[in-house]
């Protein structure tokens, strides 16, 4: 697919060049762990705030949500990046 996109000259989002496998909201609950960590790297300190907000909302609505572990991982990554 990427070879055809490059050959056609169609512009694509820069986030793919940075390692994202799928493009959606930075901290989509459907994202893979790798994409969540990549989003955290790309947005640095802003990542912590957004993930913290998402976690608070998710935990207030559905405390045992199956994506909590992935978001927690992204939060930890974002916190490390913000502190670096």
PDB file of N, CA and C in Angstrom:
ATOM      1  N   UNK A   1       0.825  -1.195   0.000  1.00  0.00           N
ATOM      2  CA  UNK A   1       0.000   0.000   0.000  1.00  0.00           C
ATOM      3  C   UNK A   1       0.870   1.261   0.000  1.00  0.00           C
ATOM      4  N   UNK A   2       1.911   1.266   0.866  1.00  0.00           N
ATOM      5  CA  UNK A   2       2.747   2.462   0.952  1.00  0.00           C
ATOM      6  C   UNK A   2       3.492   2.739  -0.345  1.00  0.00           C
ATOM      7  N   UNK A   3       3.909   1.708  -1.048  1.00  0.00           N
ATOM      8  CA  UNK A   3       4.599   1.908  -2.327  1.00  0.00           C
ATOM      9  C   UNK A   3       3.677   2.598  -3.326  1.00  0.00           C
ATOM     10  N   UNK A   4       2.423   2.196  -3.354  1.00  0.00           N
ATOM     11  CA  UNK A   4       1.466   2.823  -4.274  1.00  0.00           C
ATOM     12  C   UNK A   4       1.176   4.266  -3.875  1.00  0.00           C
ATOM     13  N   UNK A   5       1.064   4.505  -2.578  1.00  0.00           N
ATOM     14  CA  UNK A   5       0.822   5.875  -2.113  1.00  0.00           C
ATOM     15  C   UNK A   5       1.995   6.772  -2.511  1.00  0.00           C
ATOM     16  N   UNK A   6       3.212   6.308  -2.250  1.00  0.00           N
ATOM     17  CA  UNK A   6       4.402   7.107  -2.596  1.00  0.00           C
ATOM     18  C   UNK A   6       4.523   7.315  -4.095  1.00  0.00           C
ATOM     19  N   UNK A   7       4.231   6.280  -4.877  1.00  0.00           N
ATOM     20  CA  UNK A   7       4.306   6.387  -6.342  1.00  0.00           C
ATOM     21  C   UNK A   7       3.271   7.361  -6.884  1.00  0.00           C
ATOM     22  N   UNK A   8       2.127   7.447  -6.227  1.00  0.00           N
ATOM     23  CA  UNK A   8       1.050   8.316  -6.712  1.00  0.00           C
ATOM     24  C   UNK A   8       1.281   9.785  -6.362  1.00  0.00           C
ATOM     25  N   UNK A   9       2.138  10.024  -5.365  1.00  0.00           N
ATOM     26  CA  UNK A   9       2.373  11.397  -4.942  1.00  0.00           C
ATOM     27  C   UNK A   9       1.326  11.935  -3.984  1.00  0.00           C
ATOM     28  N   UNK A  10       0.395  11.089  -3.563  1.00  0.00           N
ATOM     29  CA  UNK A  10      -0.643  11.503  -2.617  1.00  0.00           C
ATOM     30  C   UNK A  10       0.017  11.830  -1.279  1.00  0.00           C
ATOM     31  N   UNK A  11      -0.371  12.936  -0.687  1.00  0.00           N
ATOM     32  CA  UNK A  11       0.167  13.313   0.613  1.00  0.00           C
ATOM     33  C   UNK A  11      -0.496  12.473   1.695  1.00  0.00           C
ATOM     34  N   UNK A  12       0.274  12.095   2.673  1.00  0.00           N
ATOM     35  CA  UNK A  12      -0.257  11.345   3.807  1.00  0.00           C
ATOM     36  C   UNK A  12       0.194  12.033   5.091  1.00  0.00           C
ATOM     37  N   UNK A  13      -0.405  11.673   6.195  1.00  0.00           N
ATOM     38  CA  UNK A  13      -0.128  12.336   7.466  1.00  0.00           C
ATOM     39  C   UNK A  13       1.281  12.008   7.953  1.00  0.00           C
ATOM     40  N   UNK A  14       1.970  12.993   8.484  1.00  0.00           N
ATOM     41  CA  UNK A  14       3.346  12.858   8.958  1.00  0.00           C
ATOM     42  C   UNK A  14       3.489  11.858  10.095  1.00  0.00           C
ATOM     43  N   UNK A  15       2.416  11.596  10.834  1.00  0.00           N
ATOM     44  CA  UNK A  15       2.504  10.684  11.984  1.00  0.00           C
ATOM     45  C   UNK A  15       2.892   9.270  11.563  1.00  0.00           C
ATOM     46  N   UNK A  16       2.552   8.885  10.339  1.00  0.00           N
ATOM     47  CA  UNK A  16       2.959   7.562   9.860  1.00  0.00           C
ATOM     48  C   UNK A  16       4.480   7.464   9.759  1.00  0.00           C
ATOM     49  N   UNK A  17       5.128   8.544   9.357  1.00  0.00           N
ATOM     50  CA  UNK A  17       6.587   8.555   9.279  1.00  0.00           C
ATOM     51  C   UNK A  17       7.229   8.477  10.662  1.00  0.00           C
ATOM     52  N   UNK A  18       6.490   8.858  11.676  1.00  0.00           N
ATOM     53  CA  UNK A  18       7.002   8.838  13.049  1.00  0.00           C
ATOM     54  C   UNK A  18       6.760   7.507  13.746  1.00  0.00           C
ATOM     55  N   UNK A  19       6.058   6.586  13.082  1.00  0.00           N
ATOM     56  CA  UNK A  19       5.878   5.254  13.655  1.00  0.00           C
ATOM     57  C   UNK A  19       4.455   4.823  13.937  1.00  0.00           C
ATOM     58  N   UNK A  20       3.488   5.704  13.723  1.00  0.00           N
ATOM     59  CA  UNK A  20       2.095   5.320  13.966  1.00  0.00           C
ATOM     60  C   UNK A  20       1.665   4.286  12.930  1.00  0.00           C
ATOM     61  N   UNK A  21       0.974   3.252  13.386  1.00  0.00           N
ATOM     62  CA  UNK A  21       0.462   2.226  12.479  1.00  0.00           C
ATOM     63  C   UNK A  21      -0.940   2.574  11.998  1.00  0.00           C
ATOM     64  N   UNK A  22      -1.623   3.395  12.786  1.00  0.00           N
ATOM     65  CA  UNK A  22      -3.016   3.737  12.524  1.00  0.00           C
ATOM     66  C   UNK A  22      -3.207   5.176  12.988  1.00  0.00           C
ATOM     67  N   UNK A  23      -3.955   5.942  12.257  1.00  0.00           N
ATOM     68  CA  UNK A  23      -4.136   7.346  12.606  1.00  0.00           C
ATOM     69  C   UNK A  23      -5.550   7.584  13.105  1.00  0.00           C
ATOM     70  N   UNK A  24      -5.640   8.121  14.302  1.00  0.00           N
ATOM     71  CA  UNK A  24      -6.925   8.494  14.899  1.00  0.00           C
ATOM     72  C   UNK A  24      -6.608   9.502  15.989  1.00  0.00           C
ATOM     73  N   UNK A  25      -7.465   9.644  16.950  1.00  0.00           N
ATOM     74  CA  UNK A  25      -7.161  10.526  18.075  1.00  0.00           C
ATOM     75  C   UNK A  25      -5.883  10.035  18.747  1.00  0.00           C
ATOM     76  N   UNK A  26      -5.110  10.932  19.293  1.00  0.00           N
ATOM     77  CA  UNK A  26      -3.821  10.557  19.879  1.00  0.00           C
ATOM     78  C   UNK A  26      -3.913   9.421  20.879  1.00  0.00           C
ATOM     79  N   UNK A  27      -4.947   9.417  21.683  1.00  0.00           N
ATOM     80  CA  UNK A  27      -5.072   8.400  22.721  1.00  0.00           C
ATOM     81  C   UNK A  27      -6.371   7.633  22.590  1.00  0.00           C
ATOM     82  N   UNK A  28      -6.631   7.159  21.384  1.00  0.00           N
ATOM     83  CA  UNK A  28      -7.829   6.378  21.082  1.00  0.00           C
ATOM     84  C   UNK A  28      -7.841   5.093  21.908  1.00  0.00           C
ATOM     85  N   UNK A  29      -8.982   4.755  22.491  1.00  0.00           N
ATOM     86  CA  UNK A  29      -9.079   3.524  23.279  1.00  0.00           C
ATOM     87  C   UNK A  29      -8.949   2.286  22.405  1.00  0.00           C
ATOM     88  N   UNK A  30      -9.034   2.434  21.093  1.00  0.00           N
ATOM     89  CA  UNK A  30      -8.880   1.304  20.182  1.00  0.00           C
ATOM     90  C   UNK A  30      -7.448   1.161  19.666  1.00  0.00           C
ATOM     91  N   UNK A  31      -6.590   2.079  20.052  1.00  0.00           N
ATOM     92  CA  UNK A  31      -5.205   2.056  19.574  1.00  0.00           C
ATOM     93  C   UNK A  31      -4.415   0.925  20.218  1.00  0.00           C
ATOM     94  N   UNK A  32      -3.381   0.501  19.521  1.00  0.00           N
ATOM     95  CA  UNK A  32      -2.480  -0.510  20.080  1.00  0.00           C
ATOM     96  C   UNK A  32      -1.584   0.147  21.129  1.00  0.00           C
ATOM     97  N   UNK A  33      -0.979  -0.673  21.957  1.00  0.00           N
ATOM     98  CA  UNK A  33      -0.046  -0.150  22.955  1.00  0.00           C
ATOM     99  C   UNK A  33       1.079   0.621  22.271  1.00  0.00           C
ATOM    100  N   UNK A  34       1.587   0.083  21.161  1.00  0.00           N
ATOM    101  CA  UNK A  34       2.680   0.743  20.447  1.00  0.00           C
ATOM    102  C   UNK A  34       2.261   2.121  19.945  1.00  0.00           C
ATOM    103  N   UNK A  35       1.035   2.242  19.422  1.00  0.00           N
ATOM    104  CA  UNK A  35       0.570   3.542  18.942  1.00  0.00           C
ATOM    105  C   UNK A  35       0.343   4.507  20.100  1.00  0.00           C
ATOM    106  N   UNK A  36      -0.136   4.013  21.244  1.00  0.00           N
ATOM    107  CA  UNK A  36      -0.308   4.877  22.413  1.00  0.00           C
ATOM    108  C   UNK A  36       1.042   5.407  22.885  1.00  0.00           C
ATOM    109  N   UNK A  37       2.038   4.548  22.914  1.00  0.00           N
ATOM    110  CA  UNK A  37       3.367   4.981  23.340  1.00  0.00           C
ATOM    111  C   UNK A  37       3.984   5.943  22.328  1.00  0.00           C
ATOM    112  N   UNK A  38       3.745   5.698  21.042  1.00  0.00           N
ATOM    113  CA  UNK A  38       4.244   6.604  20.004  1.00  0.00           C
ATOM    114  C   UNK A  38       3.575   7.972  20.144  1.00  0.00           C
ATOM    115  N   UNK A  39       2.272   7.974  20.372  1.00  0.00           N
ATOM    116  CA  UNK A  39       1.550   9.239  20.559  1.00  0.00           C
ATOM    117  C   UNK A  39       2.101   9.993  21.758  1.00  0.00           C
ATOM    118  N   UNK A  40       2.404   9.275  22.822  1.00  0.00           N
ATOM    119  CA  UNK A  40       2.970   9.915  24.010  1.00  0.00           C
ATOM    120  C   UNK A  40       4.332  10.523  23.697  1.00  0.00           C
ATOM    121  N   UNK A  41       5.156   9.806  22.940  1.00  0.00           N
ATOM    122  CA  UNK A  41       6.476  10.341  22.556  1.00  0.00           C
ATOM    123  C   UNK A  41       6.328  11.599  21.713  1.00  0.00           C
ATOM    124  N   UNK A  42       5.374  11.590  20.804  1.00  0.00           N
ATOM    125  CA  UNK A  42       5.218  12.709  19.875  1.00  0.00           C
ATOM    126  C   UNK A  42       4.667  13.957  20.548  1.00  0.00           C
ATOM    127  N   UNK A  43       3.882  13.794  21.585  1.00  0.00           N
ATOM    128  CA  UNK A  43       3.242  14.954  22.200  1.00  0.00           C
ATOM    129  C   UNK A  43       3.844  15.355  23.538  1.00  0.00           C
ATOM    130  N   UNK A  44       4.723  14.533  24.071  1.00  0.00           N
ATOM    131  CA  UNK A  44       5.463  14.802  25.308  1.00  0.00           C
ATOM    132  C   UNK A  44       4.570  15.223  26.478  1.00  0.00           C
ATOM    133  N   UNK A  45       4.771  16.388  27.046  1.00  0.00           N
ATOM    134  CA  UNK A  45       4.060  16.795  28.258  1.00  0.00           C
ATOM    135  C   UNK A  45       2.547  16.838  28.058  1.00  0.00           C
ATOM    136  N   UNK A  46       2.108  17.238  26.891  1.00  0.00           N
ATOM    137  CA  UNK A  46       0.675  17.280  26.605  1.00  0.00           C
ATOM    138  C   UNK A  46       0.068  15.889  26.729  1.00  0.00           C
ATOM    139  N   UNK A  47       0.857  14.888  26.437  1.00  0.00           N
ATOM    140  CA  UNK A  47       0.379  13.506  26.514  1.00  0.00           C
ATOM    141  C   UNK A  47      -0.085  13.169  27.925  1.00  0.00           C
ATOM    142  N   UNK A  48       0.675  13.559  28.910  1.00  0.00           N
ATOM    143  CA  UNK A  48       0.309  13.232  30.287  1.00  0.00           C
ATOM    144  C   UNK A  48      -1.049  13.822  30.640  1.00  0.00           C
ATOM    145  N   UNK A  49      -1.260  15.080  30.299  1.00  0.00           N
ATOM    146  CA  UNK A  49      -2.525  15.722  30.630  1.00  0.00           C
ATOM    147  C   UNK A  49      -3.693  15.020  29.953  1.00  0.00           C
ATOM    148  N   UNK A  50      -3.550  14.743  28.665  1.00  0.00           N
ATOM    149  CA  UNK A  50      -4.643  14.108  27.934  1.00  0.00           C
ATOM    150  C   UNK A  50      -4.932  12.704  28.437  1.00  0.00           C
ATOM    151  N   UNK A  51      -3.887  11.931  28.670  1.00  0.00           N
ATOM    152  CA  UNK A  51      -4.101  10.566  29.146  1.00  0.00           C
ATOM    153  C   UNK A  51      -4.694  10.587  30.545  1.00  0.00           C
ATOM    154  N   UNK A  52      -4.223  11.477  31.398  1.00  0.00           N
ATOM    155  CA  UNK A  52      -4.785  11.575  32.744  1.00  0.00           C
ATOM    156  C   UNK A  52      -6.272  11.912  32.682  1.00  0.00           C
ATOM    157  N   UNK A  53      -6.650  12.824  31.797  1.00  0.00           N
ATOM    158  CA  UNK A  53      -8.066  13.166  31.627  1.00  0.00           C
ATOM    159  C   UNK A  53      -8.866  11.966  31.140  1.00  0.00           C
ATOM    160  N   UNK A  54      -8.321  11.243  30.154  1.00  0.00           N
ATOM    161  CA  UNK A  54      -9.005  10.059  29.625  1.00  0.00           C
ATOM    162  C   UNK A  54      -9.159   8.985  30.699  1.00  0.00           C
ATOM    163  N   UNK A  55      -8.106   8.767  31.466  1.00  0.00           N
ATOM    164  CA  UNK A  55      -8.175   7.765  32.529  1.00  0.00           C
ATOM    165  C   UNK A  55      -9.230   8.127  33.564  1.00  0.00           C
ATOM    166  N   UNK A  56      -9.259   9.385  33.961  1.00  0.00           N
ATOM    167  CA  UNK A  56     -10.245   9.816  34.951  1.00  0.00           C
ATOM    168  C   UNK A  56     -11.661   9.614  34.433  1.00  0.00           C
ATOM    169  N   UNK A  57     -11.897   9.987  33.189  1.00  0.00           N
ATOM    170  CA  UNK A  57     -13.221   9.809  32.598  1.00  0.00           C
ATOM    171  C   UNK A  57     -13.568   8.334  32.495  1.00  0.00           C
ATOM    172  N   UNK A  58     -12.644   7.550  31.975  1.00  0.00           N
ATOM    173  CA  UNK A  58     -12.900   6.124  31.789  1.00  0.00           C
ATOM    174  C   UNK A  58     -13.169   5.442  33.126  1.00  0.00           C
ATOM    175  N   UNK A  59     -12.391   5.760  34.140  1.00  0.00           N
ATOM    176  CA  UNK A  59     -12.565   5.122  35.437  1.00  0.00           C
ATOM    177  C   UNK A  59     -13.861   5.546  36.104  1.00  0.00           C
ATOM    178  N   UNK A  60     -14.331   6.757  35.815  1.00  0.00           N
ATOM    179  CA  UNK A  60     -15.601   7.190  36.405  1.00  0.00           C
ATOM    180  C   UNK A  60     -16.792   6.525  35.730  1.00  0.00           C
ATOM    181  N   UNK A  61     -16.645   6.179  34.457  1.00  0.00           N
ATOM    182  CA  UNK A  61     -17.739   5.568  33.702  1.00  0.00           C
ATOM    183  C   UNK A  61     -17.718   4.053  33.822  1.00  0.00           C
ATOM    184  N   UNK A  62     -16.543   3.464  33.647  1.00  0.00           N
ATOM    185  CA  UNK A  62     -16.420   2.004  33.636  1.00  0.00           C
ATOM    186  C   UNK A  62     -15.059   1.616  34.217  1.00  0.00           C
ATOM    187  N   UNK A  63     -14.985   1.456  35.545  1.00  0.00           N
ATOM    188  CA  UNK A  63     -13.703   1.229  36.211  1.00  0.00           C
ATOM    189  C   UNK A  63     -12.916   0.021  35.705  1.00  0.00           C
ATOM    190  N   UNK A  64     -13.578  -1.004  35.212  1.00  0.00           N
ATOM    191  CA  UNK A  64     -12.882  -2.218  34.770  1.00  0.00           C
ATOM    192  C   UNK A  64     -12.751  -2.299  33.258  1.00  0.00           C
ATOM    193  N   UNK A  65     -12.759  -1.167  32.580  1.00  0.00           N
ATOM    194  CA  UNK A  65     -12.689  -1.136  31.119  1.00  0.00           C
ATOM    195  C   UNK A  65     -11.446  -1.867  30.636  1.00  0.00           C
ATOM    196  N   UNK A  66     -11.575  -2.655  29.567  1.00  0.00           N
ATOM    197  CA  UNK A  66     -10.484  -3.523  29.121  1.00  0.00           C
ATOM    198  C   UNK A  66      -9.291  -2.763  28.550  1.00  0.00           C
ATOM    199  N   UNK A  67      -9.432  -1.497  28.216  1.00  0.00           N
ATOM    200  CA  UNK A  67      -8.309  -0.733  27.655  1.00  0.00           C
ATOM    201  C   UNK A  67      -7.546   0.042  28.725  1.00  0.00           C
ATOM    202  N   UNK A  68      -7.943  -0.109  29.986  1.00  0.00           N
ATOM    203  CA  UNK A  68      -7.293   0.652  31.054  1.00  0.00           C
ATOM    204  C   UNK A  68      -5.794   0.381  31.115  1.00  0.00           C
ATOM    205  N   UNK A  69      -5.379  -0.864  30.932  1.00  0.00           N
ATOM    206  CA  UNK A  69      -3.952  -1.193  31.010  1.00  0.00           C
ATOM    207  C   UNK A  69      -3.164  -0.487  29.918  1.00  0.00           C
ATOM    208  N   UNK A  70      -3.704  -0.418  28.718  1.00  0.00           N
ATOM    209  CA  UNK A  70      -3.025   0.263  27.625  1.00  0.00           C
ATOM    210  C   UNK A  70      -2.898   1.752  27.867  1.00  0.00           C
ATOM    211  N   UNK A  71      -3.953   2.366  28.370  1.00  0.00           N
ATOM    212  CA  UNK A  71      -3.896   3.792  28.662  1.00  0.00           C
ATOM    213  C   UNK A  71      -2.963   4.068  29.828  1.00  0.00           C
ATOM    214  N   UNK A  72      -2.957   3.179  30.812  1.00  0.00           N
ATOM    215  CA  UNK A  72      -2.039   3.352  31.929  1.00  0.00           C
ATOM    216  C   UNK A  72      -0.598   3.309  31.430  1.00  0.00           C
ATOM    217  N   UNK A  73      -0.304   2.392  30.517  1.00  0.00           N
ATOM    218  CA  UNK A  73       1.032   2.287  29.935  1.00  0.00           C
ATOM    219  C   UNK A  73       1.403   3.580  29.215  1.00  0.00           C
ATOM    220  N   UNK A  74       0.479   4.122  28.450  1.00  0.00           N
ATOM    221  CA  UNK A  74       0.739   5.380  27.743  1.00  0.00           C
ATOM    222  C   UNK A  74       0.945   6.515  28.729  1.00  0.00           C
ATOM    223  N   UNK A  75       0.182   6.498  29.828  1.00  0.00           N
ATOM    224  CA  UNK A  75       0.347   7.533  30.846  1.00  0.00           C
ATOM    225  C   UNK A  75       1.753   7.468  31.440  1.00  0.00           C
ATOM    226  N   UNK A  76       2.214   6.273  31.761  1.00  0.00           N
ATOM    227  CA  UNK A  76       3.552   6.124  32.325  1.00  0.00           C
ATOM    228  C   UNK A  76       4.614   6.595  31.336  1.00  0.00           C
ATOM    229  N   UNK A  77       4.442   6.247  30.080  1.00  0.00           N
ATOM    230  CA  UNK A  77       5.379   6.677  29.037  1.00  0.00           C
ATOM    231  C   UNK A  77       5.366   8.197  28.924  1.00  0.00           C
ATOM    232  N   UNK A  78       4.185   8.786  28.909  1.00  0.00           N
ATOM    233  CA  UNK A  78       4.069  10.242  28.790  1.00  0.00           C
ATOM    234  C   UNK A  78       4.716  10.931  29.979  1.00  0.00           C
ATOM    235  N   UNK A  79       4.518  10.379  31.163  1.00  0.00           N
ATOM    236  CA  UNK A  79       5.109  10.977  32.359  1.00  0.00           C
ATOM    237  C   UNK A  79       6.636  10.938  32.274  1.00  0.00           C
ATOM    238  N   UNK A  80       7.190   9.812  31.841  1.00  0.00           N
ATOM    239  CA  UNK A  80       8.648   9.707  31.693  1.00  0.00           C
ATOM    240  C   UNK A  80       9.162  10.712  30.664  1.00  0.00           C
ATOM    241  N   UNK A  81       8.423  10.865  29.557  1.00  0.00           N
ATOM    242  CA  UNK A  81       8.851  11.794  28.505  1.00  0.00           C
ATOM    243  C   UNK A  81       8.775  13.236  29.000  1.00  0.00           C
ATOM    244  N   UNK A  82       7.738  13.565  29.767  1.00  0.00           N
ATOM    245  CA  UNK A  82       7.582  14.930  30.270  1.00  0.00           C
ATOM    246  C   UNK A  82       8.684  15.269  31.264  1.00  0.00           C
ATOM    247  N   UNK A  83       9.128  14.269  32.019  1.00  0.00           N
ATOM    248  CA  UNK A  83      10.173  14.492  33.014  1.00  0.00           C
ATOM    249  C   UNK A  83      11.571  14.532  32.410  1.00  0.00           C
ATOM    250  N   UNK A  84      11.701  14.052  31.177  1.00  0.00           N
ATOM    251  CA  UNK A  84      13.031  13.968  30.546  1.00  0.00           C
ATOM    252  C   UNK A  84      13.546  15.327  30.125  1.00  0.00           C
TER     253      UNK A  84
END
